[in-house]
C-alpha atoms as a PDB file:
ATOM      1  CA  MET A   1     -90.379-238.681  49.909  1.00  0.00           C
ATOM      2  CA  VAL A   2     -88.521-235.235  50.205  1.00  0.00           C
ATOM      3  CA  ILE A   3     -89.746-233.470  53.669  1.00  0.00           C
ATOM      4  CA  ILE A   4     -89.768-229.719  53.090  1.00  0.00           C
ATOM      5  CA  SER A   5     -89.785-227.569  55.622  1.00  0.00           C
ATOM      6  CA  ASP A   6     -91.182-223.963  56.261  1.00  0.00           C
ATOM      7  CA  GLU A   7     -87.530-222.807  56.828  1.00  0.00           C
ATOM      8  CA  GLU A   8     -86.649-224.209  52.963  1.00  0.00           C
ATOM      9  CA  ILE A   9     -90.190-222.947  51.367  1.00  0.00           C
ATOM     10  CA  ASP A  10     -89.085-219.520  52.551  1.00  0.00           C
ATOM     11  CA  LEU A  11     -85.534-219.811  51.242  1.00  0.00           C
ATOM     12  CA  LEU A  12     -87.042-220.782  47.761  1.00  0.00           C
ATOM     13  CA  LEU A  13     -89.306-217.802  47.879  1.00  0.00           C
ATOM     14  CA  ASP A  14     -86.851-215.774  48.527  1.00  0.00           C
ATOM     15  CA  ASP A  15     -84.593-217.188  45.581  1.00  0.00           C
ATOM     16  CA  MET A  16     -87.751-216.739  43.296  1.00  0.00           C
ATOM     17  CA  LEU A  17     -87.966-213.065  44.082  1.00  0.00           C
ATOM     18  CA  GLU A  18     -84.354-211.981  44.390  1.00  0.00           C
ATOM     19  CA  ILE A  19     -83.199-213.781  41.075  1.00  0.00           C
ATOM     20  CA  TYR A  20     -86.371-214.529  39.076  1.00  0.00           C
ATOM     21  CA  GLY A  21     -88.649-211.077  40.180  1.00  0.00           C
ATOM     22  CA  TYR A  22     -91.477-214.055  39.970  1.00  0.00           C
ATOM     23  CA  ASP A  23     -93.304-212.944  44.193  1.00  0.00           C
ATOM     24  CA  PHE A  24     -94.483-216.103  45.599  1.00  0.00           C
ATOM     25  CA  THR A  25     -94.301-215.299  49.325  1.00  0.00           C
ATOM     26  CA  GLU A  26     -98.354-215.005  50.086  1.00  0.00           C
ATOM     27  CA  TYR A  27     -99.150-218.319  48.280  1.00  0.00           C
ATOM     28  CA  SER A  28    -100.290-221.180  50.792  1.00  0.00           C
ATOM     29  CA  LYS A  29     -97.458-223.044  51.699  1.00  0.00           C
ATOM     30  CA  ALA A  30     -98.891-226.714  52.150  1.00  0.00           C
ATOM     31  CA  SER A  31     -99.831-226.235  48.285  1.00  0.00           C
ATOM     32  CA  LEU A  32     -96.317-224.748  47.482  1.00  0.00           C
ATOM     33  CA  ARG A  33     -94.391-227.509  49.181  1.00  0.00           C
ATOM     34  CA  ARG A  34     -97.082-230.450  47.685  1.00  0.00           C
ATOM     35  CA  ARG A  35     -95.998-229.256  44.552  1.00  0.00           C
ATOM     36  CA  ILE A  36     -92.443-228.774  44.977  1.00  0.00           C
ATOM     37  CA  GLN A  37     -92.186-232.519  46.103  1.00  0.00           C
ATOM     38  CA  ARG A  38     -94.193-233.459  43.455  1.00  0.00           C
ATOM     39  CA  ILE A  39     -91.475-232.035  41.279  1.00  0.00           C
ATOM     40  CA  ILE A  40     -88.517-233.254  43.106  1.00  0.00           C
ATOM     41  CA  VAL A  41     -90.015-237.284  42.630  1.00  0.00           C
ATOM     42  CA  ASN A  42     -90.844-236.018  38.965  1.00  0.00           C
ATOM     43  CA  ASP A  43     -87.496-234.863  38.270  1.00  0.00           C
ATOM     44  CA  ARG A  44     -85.756-237.733  39.865  1.00  0.00           C
ATOM     45  CA  LEU A  45     -83.680-235.620  42.177  1.00  0.00           C
ATOM     46  CA  THR A  46     -82.381-236.529  45.651  1.00  0.00           C
ATOM     47  CA  SER A  47     -82.525-233.768  48.043  1.00  0.00           C
ATOM     48  CA  PHE A  48     -83.905-230.044  48.329  1.00  0.00           C
ATOM     49  CA  ALA A  49     -80.422-228.966  47.932  1.00  0.00           C
ATOM     50  CA  GLU A  50     -80.210-230.325  44.669  1.00  0.00           C
ATOM     51  CA  PHE A  51     -83.476-229.055  43.728  1.00  0.00           C
ATOM     52  CA  ARG A  52     -82.538-225.293  44.927  1.00  0.00           C
ATOM     53  CA  TYR A  53     -79.279-225.849  43.303  1.00  0.00           C
ATOM     54  CA  ARG A  54     -81.209-225.911  40.197  1.00  0.00           C
ATOM     55  CA  LEU A  55     -83.770-223.279  40.787  1.00  0.00           C
ATOM     56  CA  LYS A  56     -80.637-221.029  41.337  1.00  0.00           C
ATOM     57  CA  ASN A  57     -78.632-221.937  38.200  1.00  0.00           C
ATOM     58  CA  SER A  58     -80.786-222.601  35.449  1.00  0.00           C
ATOM     59  CA  ASN A  59     -83.394-220.404  33.682  1.00  0.00           C
ATOM     60  CA  ASP A  60     -84.577-223.551  32.109  1.00  0.00           C
ATOM     61  CA  TYR A  61     -85.243-225.061  35.154  1.00  0.00           C
ATOM     62  CA  PHE A  62     -86.903-222.264  36.976  1.00  0.00           C
ATOM     63  CA  THR A  63     -89.487-221.657  33.656  1.00  0.00           C
ATOM     64  CA  HIS A  64     -90.010-225.658  34.433  1.00  0.00           C
ATOM     65  CA  ILE A  65     -90.826-224.554  37.745  1.00  0.00           C
ATOM     66  CA  ILE A  66     -93.111-222.451  37.154  1.00  0.00           C
ATOM     67  CA  GLU A  67     -95.000-224.592  34.617  1.00  0.00           C
ATOM     68  CA  GLU A  68     -95.417-226.994  37.519  1.00  0.00           C
ATOM     69  CA  ILE A  69     -96.323-224.696  40.446  1.00  0.00           C
ATOM     70  CA  SER A  70     -98.989-222.517  38.667  1.00  0.00           C
ATOM     71  CA  VAL A  71    -100.895-225.788  36.548  1.00  0.00           C
ATOM     72  CA  ASN A  72    -103.995-225.768  36.842  1.00  0.00           C
ATOM     73  CA  VAL A  73    -106.516-228.385  36.078  1.00  0.00           C
ATOM     74  CA  THR A  74    -109.284-227.208  33.587  1.00  0.00           C
ATOM     75  CA  GLU A  75    -111.849-228.152  30.738  1.00  0.00           C
ATOM     76  CA  MET A  76    -114.221-226.774  28.867  1.00  0.00           C
ATOM     77  CA  LEU A  77    -117.340-225.467  30.351  1.00  0.00           C
ATOM     78  CA  ARG A  78    -116.893-227.263  33.728  1.00  0.00           C
ATOM     79  CA  ASP A  79    -119.283-227.025  36.135  1.00  0.00           C
ATOM     80  CA  PRO A  80    -121.925-226.802  34.004  1.00  0.00           C
ATOM     81  CA  GLY A  81    -124.552-225.567  36.402  1.00  0.00           C
ATOM     82  CA  PHE A  82    -122.406-222.400  36.206  1.00  0.00           C
ATOM     83  CA  TYR A  83    -122.289-222.048  32.947  1.00  0.00           C
ATOM     84  CA  ARG A  84    -126.174-222.769  32.478  1.00  0.00           C
ATOM     85  CA  ALA A  85    -126.136-219.787  34.919  1.00  0.00           C
ATOM     86  CA  ILE A  86    -123.889-217.524  32.536  1.00  0.00           C
ATOM     87  CA  VAL A  87    -125.931-218.402  30.174  1.00  0.00           C
ATOM     88  CA  GLU A  88    -129.025-217.407  31.595  1.00  0.00           C
ATOM     89  CA  LYS A  89    -128.441-214.474  34.164  1.00  0.00           C
ATOM     90  CA  VAL A  90    -125.411-213.295  32.794  1.00  0.00           C
ATOM     91  CA  ILE A  91    -125.294-212.925  28.804  1.00  0.00           C
ATOM     92  CA  PRO A  92    -128.638-211.391  28.285  1.00  0.00           C
ATOM     93  CA  VAL A  93    -127.521-208.761  30.524  1.00  0.00           C
ATOM     94  CA  LEU A  94    -124.237-208.551  28.557  1.00  0.00           C
ATOM     95  CA  THR A  95    -126.419-207.787  25.704  1.00  0.00           C
ATOM     96  CA  SER A  96    -126.785-204.145  26.848  1.00  0.00           C
ATOM     97  CA  TYR A  97    -123.533-202.918  25.983  1.00  0.00           C
ATOM     98  CA  PRO A  98    -121.930-201.651  22.560  1.00  0.00           C
ATOM     99  CA  PHE A  99    -118.888-203.353  23.336  1.00  0.00           C
ATOM    100  CA  ILE A 100    -118.002-206.512  25.567  1.00  0.00           C
ATOM    101  CA  ARG A 101    -114.920-206.866  27.564  1.00  0.00           C
ATOM    102  CA  ILE A 102    -113.887-210.363  30.055  1.00  0.00           C
ATOM    103  CA  TRP A 103    -111.022-210.994  31.402  1.00  0.00           C
ATOM    104  CA  HIS A 104    -110.245-214.794  32.059  1.00  0.00           C
ATOM    105  CA  ALA A 105    -107.436-213.951  35.174  1.00  0.00           C
ATOM    106  CA  GLY A 106    -105.501-217.819  35.728  1.00  0.00           C
ATOM    107  CA  CYS A 107    -106.802-218.928  32.158  1.00  0.00           C
ATOM    108  CA  ALA A 108    -104.350-221.637  31.988  1.00  0.00           C
ATOM    109  CA  THR A 109    -104.596-223.507  28.553  1.00  0.00           C
ATOM    110  CA  GLY A 110    -107.477-221.478  27.592  1.00  0.00           C
ATOM    111  CA  GLU A 111    -110.610-224.002  27.247  1.00  0.00           C
ATOM    112  CA  GLU A 112    -112.914-222.038  29.826  1.00  0.00           C
ATOM    113  CA  VAL A 113    -111.762-219.198  27.856  1.00  0.00           C
ATOM    114  CA  TYR A 114    -113.062-220.696  24.106  1.00  0.00           C
ATOM    115  CA  SER A 115    -116.300-221.750  26.361  1.00  0.00           C
ATOM    116  CA  MET A 116    -117.277-218.535  26.572  1.00  0.00           C
ATOM    117  CA  ALA A 117    -116.544-217.568  23.215  1.00  0.00           C
ATOM    118  CA  ILE A 118    -118.843-220.048  22.068  1.00  0.00           C
ATOM    119  CA  LEU A 119    -121.553-219.244  24.412  1.00  0.00           C
ATOM    120  CA  LEU A 120    -121.129-215.635  23.086  1.00  0.00           C
ATOM    121  CA  LYS A 121    -121.678-216.521  19.639  1.00  0.00           C
ATOM    122  CA  GLU A 122    -124.661-218.552  20.511  1.00  0.00           C
ATOM    123  CA  ALA A 123    -126.006-215.671  21.658  1.00  0.00           C
ATOM    124  CA  GLY A 124    -125.099-213.818  19.021  1.00  0.00           C
ATOM    125  CA  LEU A 125    -122.727-211.005  20.648  1.00  0.00           C
ATOM    126  CA  LEU A 126    -118.969-212.663  20.073  1.00  0.00           C
ATOM    127  CA  HIS A 127    -118.669-210.208  17.607  1.00  0.00           C
ATOM    128  CA  LYS A 128    -118.673-206.872  19.691  1.00  0.00           C
ATOM    129  CA  SER A 129    -116.499-208.924  22.519  1.00  0.00           C
ATOM    130  CA  LEU A 130    -112.724-209.202  23.140  1.00  0.00           C
ATOM    131  CA  ILE A 131    -111.879-212.305  25.577  1.00  0.00           C
ATOM    132  CA  TYR A 132    -108.453-211.710  27.683  1.00  0.00           C
ATOM    133  CA  GLY A 133    -107.071-214.419  28.742  1.00  0.00           C
ATOM    134  CA  THR A 134    -104.158-214.306  31.449  1.00  0.00           C
ATOM    135  CA  ASP A 135    -102.235-216.420  33.210  1.00  0.00           C
ATOM    136  CA  ILE A 136     -98.632-216.833  34.739  1.00  0.00           C
ATOM    137  CA  ASN A 137     -97.547-219.244  32.705  1.00  0.00           C
ATOM    138  CA  PRO A 138     -96.078-218.564  29.678  1.00  0.00           C
ATOM    139  CA  ALA A 139     -96.166-222.628  28.123  1.00  0.00           C
ATOM    140  CA  ALA A 140     -99.786-222.513  29.096  1.00  0.00           C
ATOM    141  CA  LEU A 141    -100.568-219.408  27.624  1.00  0.00           C
ATOM    142  CA  ASP A 142     -99.004-220.750  24.226  1.00  0.00           C
ATOM    143  CA  LYS A 143    -101.436-224.189  24.274  1.00  0.00           C
ATOM    144  CA  ALA A 144    -104.389-221.333  24.660  1.00  0.00           C
ATOM    145  CA  ARG A 145    -103.180-219.199  21.490  1.00  0.00           C
ATOM    146  CA  GLN A 146    -102.881-222.402  19.758  1.00  0.00           C
ATOM    147  CA  GLY A 147    -106.194-223.832  20.342  1.00  0.00           C
ATOM    148  CA  ILE A 148    -105.478-227.312  19.953  1.00  0.00           C
ATOM    149  CA  PHE A 149    -106.933-229.644  22.459  1.00  0.00           C
ATOM    150  CA  PRO A 150    -106.525-233.525  22.930  1.00  0.00           C
ATOM    151  CA  ILE A 151    -109.398-235.147  21.483  1.00  0.00           C
ATOM    152  CA  GLY A 152    -110.504-237.906  24.235  1.00  0.00           C
ATOM    153  CA  GLN A 153    -111.501-235.184  25.985  1.00  0.00           C
ATOM    154  CA  LEU A 154    -114.015-233.779  23.570  1.00  0.00           C
ATOM    155  CA  GLN A 155    -116.751-236.574  24.563  1.00  0.00           C
ATOM    156  CA  GLN A 156    -117.202-234.783  28.450  1.00  0.00           C
ATOM    157  CA  TYR A 157    -116.626-231.390  26.660  1.00  0.00           C
ATOM    158  CA  SER A 158    -119.600-232.151  24.457  1.00  0.00           C
ATOM    159  CA  ARG A 159    -121.757-233.247  27.262  1.00  0.00           C
ATOM    160  CA  ASN A 160    -120.894-230.481  29.650  1.00  0.00           C
ATOM    161  CA  TYR A 161    -122.004-228.193  26.494  1.00  0.00           C
ATOM    162  CA  ILE A 162    -125.723-229.578  26.157  1.00  0.00           C
ATOM    163  CA  ALA A 163    -126.308-229.557  30.187  1.00  0.00           C
ATOM    164  CA  ALA A 164    -124.833-225.993  29.672  1.00  0.00           C
ATOM    165  CA  GLY A 165    -127.456-225.083  26.864  1.00  0.00           C
ATOM    166  CA  GLY A 166    -125.402-224.951  24.480  1.00  0.00           C
ATOM    167  CA  LYS A 167    -127.660-224.531  21.361  1.00  0.00           C
ATOM    168  CA  GLY A 168    -126.293-226.179  18.438  1.00  0.00           C
ATOM    169  CA  ASP A 169    -123.824-229.114  17.704  1.00  0.00           C
ATOM    170  CA  PHE A 170    -120.096-228.942  19.436  1.00  0.00           C
ATOM    171  CA  SER A 171    -118.992-230.767  16.707  1.00  0.00           C
ATOM    172  CA  ASP A 172    -119.481-227.384  14.822  1.00  0.00           C
ATOM    173  CA  TYR A 173    -116.683-225.637  16.703  1.00  0.00           C
ATOM    174  CA  TYR A 174    -113.729-227.662  16.172  1.00  0.00           C
ATOM    175  CA  THR A 175    -112.012-229.851  13.410  1.00  0.00           C
ATOM    176  CA  SER A 176    -110.041-233.150  14.279  1.00  0.00           C
ATOM    177  CA  SER A 177    -106.707-234.110  12.884  1.00  0.00           C
ATOM    178  CA  TYR A 178    -105.667-237.798  14.362  1.00  0.00           C
ATOM    179  CA  GLN A 179    -105.866-237.661  18.207  1.00  0.00           C
ATOM    180  CA  LEU A 180    -106.130-233.479  18.159  1.00  0.00           C
ATOM    181  CA  VAL A 181    -108.800-231.034  17.338  1.00  0.00           C
ATOM    182  CA  LYS A 182    -107.930-227.480  16.870  1.00  0.00           C
ATOM    183  CA  PHE A 183    -110.935-224.806  17.588  1.00  0.00           C
ATOM    184  CA  ASP A 184    -112.480-222.588  15.086  1.00  0.00           C
ATOM    185  CA  GLU A 185    -110.166-219.340  14.349  1.00  0.00           C
ATOM    186  CA  SER A 186    -113.596-217.757  14.319  1.00  0.00           C
ATOM    187  CA  LEU A 187    -113.350-217.881  18.381  1.00  0.00           C
ATOM    188  CA  ALA A 188    -109.767-217.165  18.458  1.00  0.00           C
ATOM    189  CA  ARG A 189    -109.684-213.834  16.728  1.00  0.00           C
ATOM    190  CA  LYS A 190    -111.279-212.626  19.529  1.00  0.00           C
ATOM    191  CA  MET A 191    -109.152-213.437  22.374  1.00  0.00           C
ATOM    192  CA  VAL A 192    -106.445-211.699  23.359  1.00  0.00           C
ATOM    193  CA  PHE A 193    -103.561-213.880  25.332  1.00  0.00           C
ATOM    194  CA  SER A 194    -100.860-212.495  27.889  1.00  0.00           C
ATOM    195  CA  THR A 195     -99.507-213.380  30.814  1.00  0.00           C
ATOM    196  CA  HIS A 196    -100.075-211.197  34.203  1.00  0.00           C
ATOM    197  CA  ASN A 197     -98.952-212.273  37.772  1.00  0.00           C
ATOM    198  CA  LEU A 198    -101.942-211.989  39.913  1.00  0.00           C
ATOM    199  CA  VAL A 199     -99.620-211.420  42.755  1.00  0.00           C
ATOM    200  CA  THR A 200     -97.530-207.935  41.518  1.00  0.00           C
ATOM    201  CA  ASP A 201     -99.666-206.791  38.608  1.00  0.00           C
ATOM    202  CA  SER A 202    -102.072-203.471  38.840  1.00  0.00           C
ATOM    203  CA  SER A 203    -105.386-204.221  36.675  1.00  0.00           C
ATOM    204  CA  PHE A 204    -105.363-203.180  33.015  1.00  0.00           C
ATOM    205  CA  ASN A 205    -108.655-202.367  31.481  1.00  0.00           C
ATOM    206  CA  SER A 206    -112.611-202.084  32.783  1.00  0.00           C
ATOM    207  CA  PHE A 207    -114.363-205.434  32.022  1.00  0.00           C
ATOM    208  CA  GLN A 208    -118.115-206.530  32.443  1.00  0.00           C
ATOM    209  CA  LEU A 209    -117.455-209.887  33.680  1.00  0.00           C
ATOM    210  CA  ILE A 210    -114.489-211.436  35.087  1.00  0.00           C
ATOM    211  CA  PHE A 211    -113.705-215.018  35.790  1.00  0.00           C
ATOM    212  CA  CYS A 212    -111.180-216.130  37.972  1.00  0.00           C
ATOM    213  CA  ARG A 213    -111.709-220.181  38.773  1.00  0.00           C
ATOM    214  CA  ASN A 214    -110.009-222.446  41.177  1.00  0.00           C
ATOM    215  CA  VAL A 215    -107.076-220.257  41.409  1.00  0.00           C
ATOM    216  CA  MET A 216    -107.532-218.140  44.768  1.00  0.00           C
ATOM    217  CA  ILE A 217    -107.519-221.778  46.776  1.00  0.00           C
ATOM    218  CA  TYR A 218    -104.187-221.596  46.227  1.00  0.00           C
ATOM    219  CA  PHE A 219    -103.299-217.842  47.705  1.00  0.00           C
ATOM    220  CA  ASP A 220    -103.385-217.175  51.684  1.00  0.00           C
ATOM    221  CA  LYS A 221    -106.205-214.908  53.253  1.00  0.00           C
ATOM    222  CA  LYS A 222    -104.240-211.574  52.287  1.00  0.00           C
ATOM    223  CA  LEU A 223    -103.078-212.212  49.064  1.00  0.00           C
ATOM    224  CA  GLN A 224    -106.511-213.642  47.902  1.00  0.00           C
ATOM    225  CA  ASP A 225    -108.172-210.032  49.414  1.00  0.00           C
ATOM    226  CA  ARG A 226    -105.689-208.001  47.505  1.00  0.00           C
ATOM    227  CA  VAL A 227    -106.904-210.008  44.415  1.00  0.00           C
ATOM    228  CA  LEU A 228    -110.154-209.520  45.282  1.00  0.00           C
ATOM    229  CA  GLN A 229    -109.601-205.480  45.329  1.00  0.00           C
ATOM    230  CA  LEU A 230    -107.911-206.016  41.850  1.00  0.00           C
ATOM    231  CA  PHE A 231    -110.503-207.610  40.332  1.00  0.00           C
ATOM    232  CA  ASP A 232    -113.002-205.096  42.290  1.00  0.00           C
ATOM    233  CA  SER A 233    -110.846-202.197  40.603  1.00  0.00           C
ATOM    234  CA  SER A 234    -111.324-203.416  37.084  1.00  0.00           C
ATOM    235  CA  LEU A 235    -114.452-204.560  37.232  1.00  0.00           C
ATOM    236  CA  GLU A 236    -117.319-201.906  36.082  1.00  0.00           C
ATOM    237  CA  HIS A 237    -120.128-201.183  37.626  1.00  0.00           C
ATOM    238  CA  PHE A 238    -123.079-203.465  38.148  1.00  0.00           C
ATOM    239  CA  GLY A 239    -120.614-205.819  36.420  1.00  0.00           C
ATOM    240  CA  PHE A 240    -120.260-209.616  37.354  1.00  0.00           C
ATOM    241  CA  LEU A 241    -117.503-211.525  39.230  1.00  0.00           C
ATOM    242  CA  ALA A 242    -117.370-215.156  38.795  1.00  0.00           C
ATOM    243  CA  LEU A 243    -114.901-217.436  40.951  1.00  0.00           C
ATOM    244  CA  GLY A 244    -114.527-221.509  41.960  1.00  0.00           C
ATOM    245  CA  THR A 245    -116.823-223.563  43.283  1.00  0.00           C
ATOM    246  CA  LYS A 246    -114.508-223.830  46.321  1.00  0.00           C
ATOM    247  CA  GLU A 247    -114.126-220.148  46.377  1.00  0.00           C
ATOM    248  CA  THR A 248    -116.146-216.923  47.766  1.00  0.00           C
ATOM    249  CA  ILE A 249    -116.095-213.338  48.624  1.00  0.00           C
ATOM    250  CA  ARG A 250    -117.576-213.465  51.531  1.00  0.00           C
ATOM    251  CA  PHE A 251    -115.783-211.963  54.730  1.00  0.00           C
ATOM    252  CA  SER A 252    -113.119-210.306  51.953  1.00  0.00           C
ATOM    253  CA  PRO A 253    -113.376-206.421  51.997  1.00  0.00           C
ATOM    254  CA  ILE A 254    -115.346-205.668  48.677  1.00  0.00           C
ATOM    255  CA  ALA A 255    -118.281-208.542  50.025  1.00  0.00           C
ATOM    256  CA  SER A 256    -120.755-205.522  50.851  1.00  0.00           C
ATOM    257  CA  ASN A 257    -120.657-204.358  47.298  1.00  0.00           C
ATOM    258  CA  TYR A 258    -121.917-207.234  45.561  1.00  0.00           C
ATOM    259  CA  SER A 259    -124.567-209.688  45.584  1.00  0.00           C
ATOM    260  CA  GLN A 260    -124.438-213.635  44.637  1.00  0.00           C
ATOM    261  CA  LEU A 261    -126.658-214.519  41.941  1.00  0.00           C
ATOM    262  CA  GLY A 262    -128.157-218.090  43.176  1.00  0.00           C
ATOM    263  CA  ARG A 263    -126.543-221.009  44.195  1.00  0.00           C
ATOM    264  CA  GLU A 264    -123.705-220.388  41.527  1.00  0.00           C
ATOM    265  CA  LYS A 265    -120.230-218.665  42.372  1.00  0.00           C
ATOM    266  CA  ILE A 266    -121.257-215.509  40.624  1.00  0.00           C
ATOM    267  CA  TRP A 267    -121.599-212.337  42.230  1.00  0.00           C
ATOM    268  CA  ARG A 268    -123.007-208.899  40.421  1.00  0.00           C
ATOM    269  CA  LYS A 269    -121.414-205.314  41.329  1.00  0.00           C
ATOM    270  CA  LYS A 270    -123.688-202.761  42.807  1.00  0.00           C
ATOM    271  CA  SER A 271    -123.563-199.145  41.595  1.00  0.00           C
END
């Protein structure tokens, strides 16, 4: 395995920022190192120098690197207990709004965006909702827009749906063809997918609910705090912030203005 030093990581980060305008300087170096080493192995490169040369001289290879670095593990209705709390404690509050805006930050290939659309539809709220899915990875967003997923994952998704409190038959929301399933267009019509960089981009709307699950674990503490402040400025009073199982707002600058809903990683903003 090619060993990569902190100094070499810094050189790469400078290259990414100077040549392509992508700022990864406040990502966890340990996480970046693991992912870069994996790319070097998978691409059968012989050295860090060869990897850096390709990054600096090929837009296509840089796009490939972004796809690999930003990949996030995701699934529909992941952590059903979390989604049951959304169904029982958050969605009833959303019913009072004339129009509902939800942001999934770092949505990857969109499975959790479709999850939320299904829950909103079952609550009779999808018609007055708009769900924004954003990510730094354009290829992942293309997959999200298509709403097409491998059929092999559907058994797990169906179990998640039942455990999360789904009210119907999960198979009603998709059609299958060979080894793929496509989710219903009625769900996709209420979604907007676009690129957004949590490191450098600002707020773009006001939301009642923001999801950012298992994204900030790859950031250092300074960047985590800055992203949380971005969410705070994007969230309406009494809105909800939902994070991943290993993430928290505790010890962050915004912590005092939020109260946690039970044991799940869901916080409500105070007035």
